[in-house]
Amino acid sequence: MTNQQTILTLARVLKNSDQAIMVDQLLNWQQEKARINDPEAFHEGTWWVYMPIRAWQEQLSWISERTIQRHLKELNELGLIRIGDFNRYRYDRTRWYTVNEEKLRLMISER
């Protein structure tokens, strides 16, 4: 769904290029889950990505773990991403993430 122009537009709308990159990265991971048809990643009618904060930080090495947590919280509050818990075990507190593509399209089109 995303291309370079979309990322730039989203960065302007969010006033944060790191958040725009995170949304783009999440979309790429979701598309990969859909491409390989991973049944464990399909919940509530959409594809989700299971991702510990440390793994986010390994992918986005210039952003601290604390900042990643804050960005994810802000993106969730904006309705641009959803955060879920589909773990098998109660002690596993790793979050699952998905992009609200409808909200993404709306934010970009309003620009």
N, C-alpha and C. Protein backbone atom coordinates (compact mmCIF):
# COMPACT_ATOMS: atom_id res chain seq x y z
N MET A 1 0.81 -1.20 0.00
CA MET A 1 0.00 0.00 0.00
C MET A 1 0.86 1.27 0.00
N THR A 2 1.97 1.22 0.72
CA THR A 2 2.75 2.45 0.85
C THR A 2 3.79 2.56 -0.26
N ASN A 3 4.13 3.78 -0.54
CA ASN A 3 5.24 4.08 -1.41
C ASN A 3 5.95 5.28 -0.79
N GLN A 4 7.02 5.71 -1.41
CA GLN A 4 7.81 6.79 -0.82
C GLN A 4 6.99 8.07 -0.62
N GLN A 5 6.16 8.41 -1.59
CA GLN A 5 5.34 9.63 -1.47
C GLN A 5 4.35 9.51 -0.32
N THR A 6 3.76 8.31 -0.16
CA THR A 6 2.83 8.09 0.93
C THR A 6 3.51 8.26 2.29
N ILE A 7 4.72 7.72 2.41
CA ILE A 7 5.47 7.84 3.66
C ILE A 7 5.76 9.31 3.96
N LEU A 8 6.17 10.05 2.94
CA LEU A 8 6.45 11.47 3.14
C LEU A 8 5.20 12.24 3.55
N THR A 9 4.08 11.92 2.91
CA THR A 9 2.81 12.56 3.26
C THR A 9 2.43 12.21 4.69
N LEU A 10 2.55 10.94 5.05
CA LEU A 10 2.22 10.53 6.41
C LEU A 10 3.14 11.20 7.43
N ALA A 11 4.40 11.34 7.10
CA ALA A 11 5.34 12.02 8.00
C ALA A 11 4.91 13.47 8.23
N ARG A 12 4.44 14.13 7.17
CA ARG A 12 3.96 15.51 7.31
C ARG A 12 2.70 15.58 8.17
N VAL A 13 1.77 14.64 7.93
CA VAL A 13 0.53 14.62 8.69
C VAL A 13 0.80 14.34 10.17
N LEU A 14 1.66 13.38 10.44
CA LEU A 14 1.97 13.02 11.83
C LEU A 14 2.97 13.97 12.47
N LYS A 15 3.66 14.74 11.62
CA LYS A 15 4.74 15.62 12.08
C LYS A 15 5.84 14.82 12.78
N ASN A 16 6.06 13.58 12.26
CA ASN A 16 7.05 12.70 12.86
C ASN A 16 7.46 11.64 11.83
N SER A 17 8.65 11.77 11.31
CA SER A 17 9.11 10.82 10.29
C SER A 17 9.34 9.43 10.86
N ASP A 18 9.78 9.33 12.11
CA ASP A 18 9.99 8.01 12.71
C ASP A 18 8.68 7.24 12.82
N GLN A 19 7.61 7.91 13.20
CA GLN A 19 6.32 7.24 13.28
C GLN A 19 5.86 6.79 11.89
N ALA A 20 6.09 7.60 10.88
CA ALA A 20 5.71 7.23 9.51
C ALA A 20 6.50 6.00 9.07
N ILE A 21 7.77 5.94 9.41
CA ILE A 21 8.60 4.78 9.07
C ILE A 21 8.10 3.54 9.81
N MET A 22 7.71 3.71 11.06
CA MET A 22 7.20 2.58 11.83
C MET A 22 5.91 2.03 11.22
N VAL A 23 5.02 2.90 10.78
CA VAL A 23 3.78 2.46 10.14
C VAL A 23 4.11 1.73 8.84
N ASP A 24 5.02 2.27 8.06
CA ASP A 24 5.42 1.62 6.81
C ASP A 24 6.03 0.25 7.08
N GLN A 25 6.90 0.16 8.07
CA GLN A 25 7.53 -1.11 8.41
C GLN A 25 6.49 -2.12 8.86
N LEU A 26 5.55 -1.68 9.67
CA LEU A 26 4.49 -2.56 10.12
C LEU A 26 3.64 -3.07 8.95
N LEU A 27 3.33 -2.19 8.01
CA LEU A 27 2.59 -2.61 6.82
C LEU A 27 3.37 -3.66 6.03
N ASN A 28 4.67 -3.46 5.90
CA ASN A 28 5.50 -4.44 5.18
C ASN A 28 5.47 -5.79 5.86
N TRP A 29 5.58 -5.80 7.19
CA TRP A 29 5.53 -7.07 7.94
C TRP A 29 4.15 -7.72 7.81
N GLN A 30 3.10 -6.93 7.85
CA GLN A 30 1.74 -7.46 7.68
C GLN A 30 1.59 -8.10 6.30
N GLN A 31 2.09 -7.42 5.28
CA GLN A 31 1.99 -7.96 3.93
C GLN A 31 2.75 -9.28 3.80
N GLU A 32 3.87 -9.38 4.51
CA GLU A 32 4.63 -10.63 4.49
C GLU A 32 3.84 -11.74 5.18
N LYS A 33 3.19 -11.44 6.29
CA LYS A 33 2.35 -12.43 6.97
C LYS A 33 1.22 -12.90 6.05
N ALA A 34 0.62 -11.98 5.33
CA ALA A 34 -0.45 -12.33 4.40
C ALA A 34 0.10 -13.14 3.24
N ARG A 35 1.28 -12.75 2.74
CA ARG A 35 1.87 -13.45 1.60
C ARG A 35 2.14 -14.92 1.92
N ILE A 36 2.66 -15.18 3.12
CA ILE A 36 2.96 -16.57 3.49
C ILE A 36 1.75 -17.26 4.12
N ASN A 37 0.64 -16.50 4.26
CA ASN A 37 -0.61 -17.01 4.80
C ASN A 37 -0.40 -17.66 6.16
N ASP A 38 0.21 -16.90 7.07
CA ASP A 38 0.51 -17.37 8.42
C ASP A 38 -0.77 -17.40 9.26
N PRO A 39 -1.33 -18.58 9.53
CA PRO A 39 -2.61 -18.65 10.25
C PRO A 39 -2.53 -18.10 11.68
N GLU A 40 -1.36 -18.16 12.31
CA GLU A 40 -1.23 -17.64 13.67
C GLU A 40 -1.24 -16.12 13.72
N ALA A 41 -1.08 -15.48 12.57
CA ALA A 41 -1.03 -14.01 12.52
C ALA A 41 -2.35 -13.40 12.07
N PHE A 42 -3.37 -14.21 11.85
CA PHE A 42 -4.66 -13.71 11.38
C PHE A 42 -5.66 -13.73 12.52
N HIS A 43 -6.06 -12.55 12.98
CA HIS A 43 -7.00 -12.41 14.08
C HIS A 43 -7.97 -11.27 13.77
N GLU A 44 -9.21 -11.44 14.17
CA GLU A 44 -10.22 -10.39 14.02
C GLU A 44 -10.31 -9.86 12.59
N GLY A 45 -10.12 -10.75 11.64
CA GLY A 45 -10.29 -10.40 10.24
C GLY A 45 -9.15 -9.63 9.60
N THR A 46 -7.98 -9.59 10.25
CA THR A 46 -6.85 -8.88 9.68
C THR A 46 -5.54 -9.55 10.08
N TRP A 47 -4.46 -9.14 9.43
CA TRP A 47 -3.14 -9.69 9.72
C TRP A 47 -2.46 -8.85 10.79
N TRP A 48 -1.86 -9.54 11.75
CA TRP A 48 -1.19 -8.91 12.88
C TRP A 48 0.27 -9.32 12.90
N VAL A 49 1.09 -8.50 13.53
CA VAL A 49 2.52 -8.77 13.67
C VAL A 49 2.85 -8.86 15.15
N TYR A 50 3.47 -9.97 15.54
CA TYR A 50 3.91 -10.19 16.92
C TYR A 50 5.32 -9.63 17.02
N MET A 51 5.49 -8.61 17.88
CA MET A 51 6.78 -7.93 17.87
C MET A 51 7.14 -7.36 19.23
N PRO A 52 8.14 -7.95 19.88
CA PRO A 52 8.65 -7.36 21.13
C PRO A 52 9.30 -6.00 20.85
N ILE A 53 9.27 -5.12 21.83
CA ILE A 53 9.87 -3.78 21.67
C ILE A 53 11.34 -3.90 21.30
N ARG A 54 12.05 -4.84 21.89
CA ARG A 54 13.47 -5.03 21.58
C ARG A 54 13.68 -5.35 20.09
N ALA A 55 12.78 -6.13 19.51
CA ALA A 55 12.88 -6.45 18.08
C ALA A 55 12.62 -5.21 17.23
N TRP A 56 11.65 -4.37 17.66
CA TRP A 56 11.43 -3.10 16.97
C TRP A 56 12.73 -2.30 16.96
N GLN A 57 13.37 -2.24 18.14
CA GLN A 57 14.58 -1.42 18.28
C GLN A 57 15.72 -1.97 17.43
N GLU A 58 15.80 -3.28 17.27
CA GLU A 58 16.83 -3.86 16.40
C GLU A 58 16.61 -3.45 14.95
N GLN A 59 15.35 -3.36 14.55
CA GLN A 59 15.02 -2.95 13.17
C GLN A 59 15.20 -1.44 12.97
N LEU A 60 14.92 -0.67 14.00
CA LEU A 60 14.96 0.79 13.93
C LEU A 60 16.00 1.28 14.94
N SER A 61 17.24 0.98 14.66
CA SER A 61 18.33 1.14 15.65
C SER A 61 18.56 2.58 16.11
N TRP A 62 18.11 3.57 15.36
CA TRP A 62 18.32 4.96 15.75
C TRP A 62 17.26 5.45 16.76
N ILE A 63 16.26 4.61 17.05
CA ILE A 63 15.19 4.99 17.98
C ILE A 63 15.33 4.13 19.24
N SER A 64 15.28 4.77 20.40
CA SER A 64 15.40 4.03 21.67
C SER A 64 14.14 3.20 21.92
N GLU A 65 14.26 2.19 22.76
CA GLU A 65 13.11 1.37 23.11
C GLU A 65 12.00 2.20 23.74
N ARG A 66 12.36 3.11 24.61
CA ARG A 66 11.36 3.96 25.28
C ARG A 66 10.62 4.84 24.26
N THR A 67 11.35 5.37 23.29
CA THR A 67 10.72 6.20 22.26
C THR A 67 9.81 5.35 21.38
N ILE A 68 10.23 4.14 21.07
CA ILE A 68 9.38 3.24 20.28
C ILE A 68 8.08 2.97 21.03
N GLN A 69 8.18 2.70 22.33
CA GLN A 69 6.97 2.49 23.14
C GLN A 69 6.05 3.71 23.07
N ARG A 70 6.62 4.89 23.19
CA ARG A 70 5.83 6.12 23.15
C ARG A 70 5.18 6.31 21.78
N HIS A 71 5.96 6.07 20.71
CA HIS A 71 5.40 6.21 19.36
C HIS A 71 4.24 5.23 19.14
N LEU A 72 4.41 3.98 19.58
CA LEU A 72 3.34 3.00 19.40
C LEU A 72 2.09 3.41 20.17
N LYS A 73 2.27 3.92 21.36
CA LYS A 73 1.13 4.39 22.15
C LYS A 73 0.42 5.54 21.44
N GLU A 74 1.20 6.50 20.92
CA GLU A 74 0.60 7.65 20.22
C GLU A 74 -0.11 7.22 18.95
N LEU A 75 0.49 6.31 18.18
CA LEU A 75 -0.14 5.82 16.95
C LEU A 75 -1.44 5.08 17.27
N ASN A 76 -1.45 4.35 18.37
CA ASN A 76 -2.65 3.65 18.81
C ASN A 76 -3.73 4.66 19.21
N GLU A 77 -3.35 5.69 19.94
CA GLU A 77 -4.31 6.72 20.37
C GLU A 77 -4.90 7.46 19.17
N LEU A 78 -4.12 7.62 18.10
CA LEU A 78 -4.61 8.25 16.88
C LEU A 78 -5.54 7.32 16.08
N GLY A 79 -5.53 6.04 16.44
CA GLY A 79 -6.34 5.07 15.70
C GLY A 79 -5.65 4.56 14.45
N LEU A 80 -4.38 4.90 14.27
CA LEU A 80 -3.65 4.50 13.07
C LEU A 80 -3.17 3.06 13.17
N ILE A 81 -2.88 2.61 14.37
CA ILE A 81 -2.56 1.20 14.59
C ILE A 81 -3.45 0.67 15.71
N ARG A 82 -3.56 -0.64 15.75
CA ARG A 82 -4.24 -1.31 16.85
C ARG A 82 -3.22 -2.20 17.54
N ILE A 83 -3.37 -2.33 18.84
CA ILE A 83 -2.48 -3.17 19.62
C ILE A 83 -3.33 -4.26 20.25
N GLY A 84 -2.88 -5.51 20.08
CA GLY A 84 -3.65 -6.64 20.60
C GLY A 84 -2.81 -7.58 21.42
N ASP A 85 -3.47 -8.54 22.01
CA ASP A 85 -2.82 -9.59 22.79
C ASP A 85 -3.44 -10.92 22.37
N PHE A 86 -2.74 -11.65 21.54
CA PHE A 86 -3.22 -12.94 21.05
C PHE A 86 -2.26 -14.05 21.46
N ASN A 87 -1.57 -13.85 22.56
CA ASN A 87 -0.56 -14.81 23.01
C ASN A 87 -1.23 -16.04 23.62
N ARG A 88 -0.58 -17.17 23.48
CA ARG A 88 -1.11 -18.43 24.01
C ARG A 88 -1.02 -18.48 25.53
N TYR A 89 0.01 -17.85 26.07
CA TYR A 89 0.26 -17.97 27.51
C TYR A 89 0.09 -16.61 28.19
N ARG A 90 -0.48 -16.63 29.37
CA ARG A 90 -0.74 -15.39 30.10
C ARG A 90 0.53 -14.61 30.42
N TYR A 91 1.60 -15.33 30.71
CA TYR A 91 2.85 -14.66 31.09
C TYR A 91 3.52 -13.95 29.91
N ASP A 92 3.14 -14.30 28.70
CA ASP A 92 3.71 -13.67 27.50
C ASP A 92 3.00 -12.33 27.30
N ARG A 93 3.72 -11.25 27.51
CA ARG A 93 3.11 -9.92 27.42
C ARG A 93 3.49 -9.20 26.12
N THR A 94 4.05 -9.93 25.19
CA THR A 94 4.41 -9.33 23.91
C THR A 94 3.15 -8.88 23.18
N ARG A 95 3.21 -7.72 22.62
CA ARG A 95 2.06 -7.13 21.93
C ARG A 95 2.04 -7.52 20.45
N TRP A 96 0.86 -7.50 19.90
CA TRP A 96 0.63 -7.70 18.47
C TRP A 96 0.17 -6.36 17.91
N TYR A 97 0.57 -6.08 16.66
CA TYR A 97 0.27 -4.78 16.05
C TYR A 97 -0.31 -4.97 14.66
N THR A 98 -1.22 -4.10 14.30
CA THR A 98 -1.76 -4.05 12.94
C THR A 98 -2.07 -2.60 12.59
N VAL A 99 -1.94 -2.27 11.33
CA VAL A 99 -2.25 -0.93 10.86
C VAL A 99 -3.73 -0.87 10.49
N ASN A 100 -4.38 0.19 10.91
CA ASN A 100 -5.75 0.46 10.52
C ASN A 100 -5.66 1.13 9.15
N GLU A 101 -5.74 0.32 8.11
CA GLU A 101 -5.52 0.83 6.75
C GLU A 101 -6.59 1.83 6.33
N GLU A 102 -7.79 1.68 6.84
CA GLU A 102 -8.85 2.65 6.52
C GLU A 102 -8.48 4.03 7.08
N LYS A 103 -8.02 4.06 8.32
CA LYS A 103 -7.60 5.32 8.95
C LYS A 103 -6.39 5.90 8.23
N LEU A 104 -5.47 5.03 7.81
CA LEU A 104 -4.30 5.48 7.06
C LEU A 104 -4.72 6.16 5.76
N ARG A 105 -5.60 5.53 5.01
CA ARG A 105 -6.08 6.13 3.75
C ARG A 105 -6.76 7.47 4.01
N LEU A 106 -7.57 7.52 5.06
CA LEU A 106 -8.29 8.75 5.42
C LEU A 106 -7.30 9.88 5.77
N MET A 107 -6.30 9.57 6.58
CA MET A 107 -5.32 10.59 6.98
C MET A 107 -4.56 11.12 5.77
N ILE A 108 -4.21 10.22 4.86
CA ILE A 108 -3.45 10.63 3.68
C ILE A 108 -4.32 11.42 2.72
N SER A 109 -5.57 11.01 2.57
CA SER A 109 -6.46 11.71 1.63
C SER A 109 -6.84 13.11 2.14
N GLU A 110 -6.89 13.28 3.44
CA GLU A 110 -7.21 14.60 4.01
C GLU A 110 -6.09 15.59 3.84
N ARG A 111 -4.93 15.11 3.56
CA ARG A 111 -3.74 15.96 3.42
C ARG A 111 -3.85 16.79 2.20
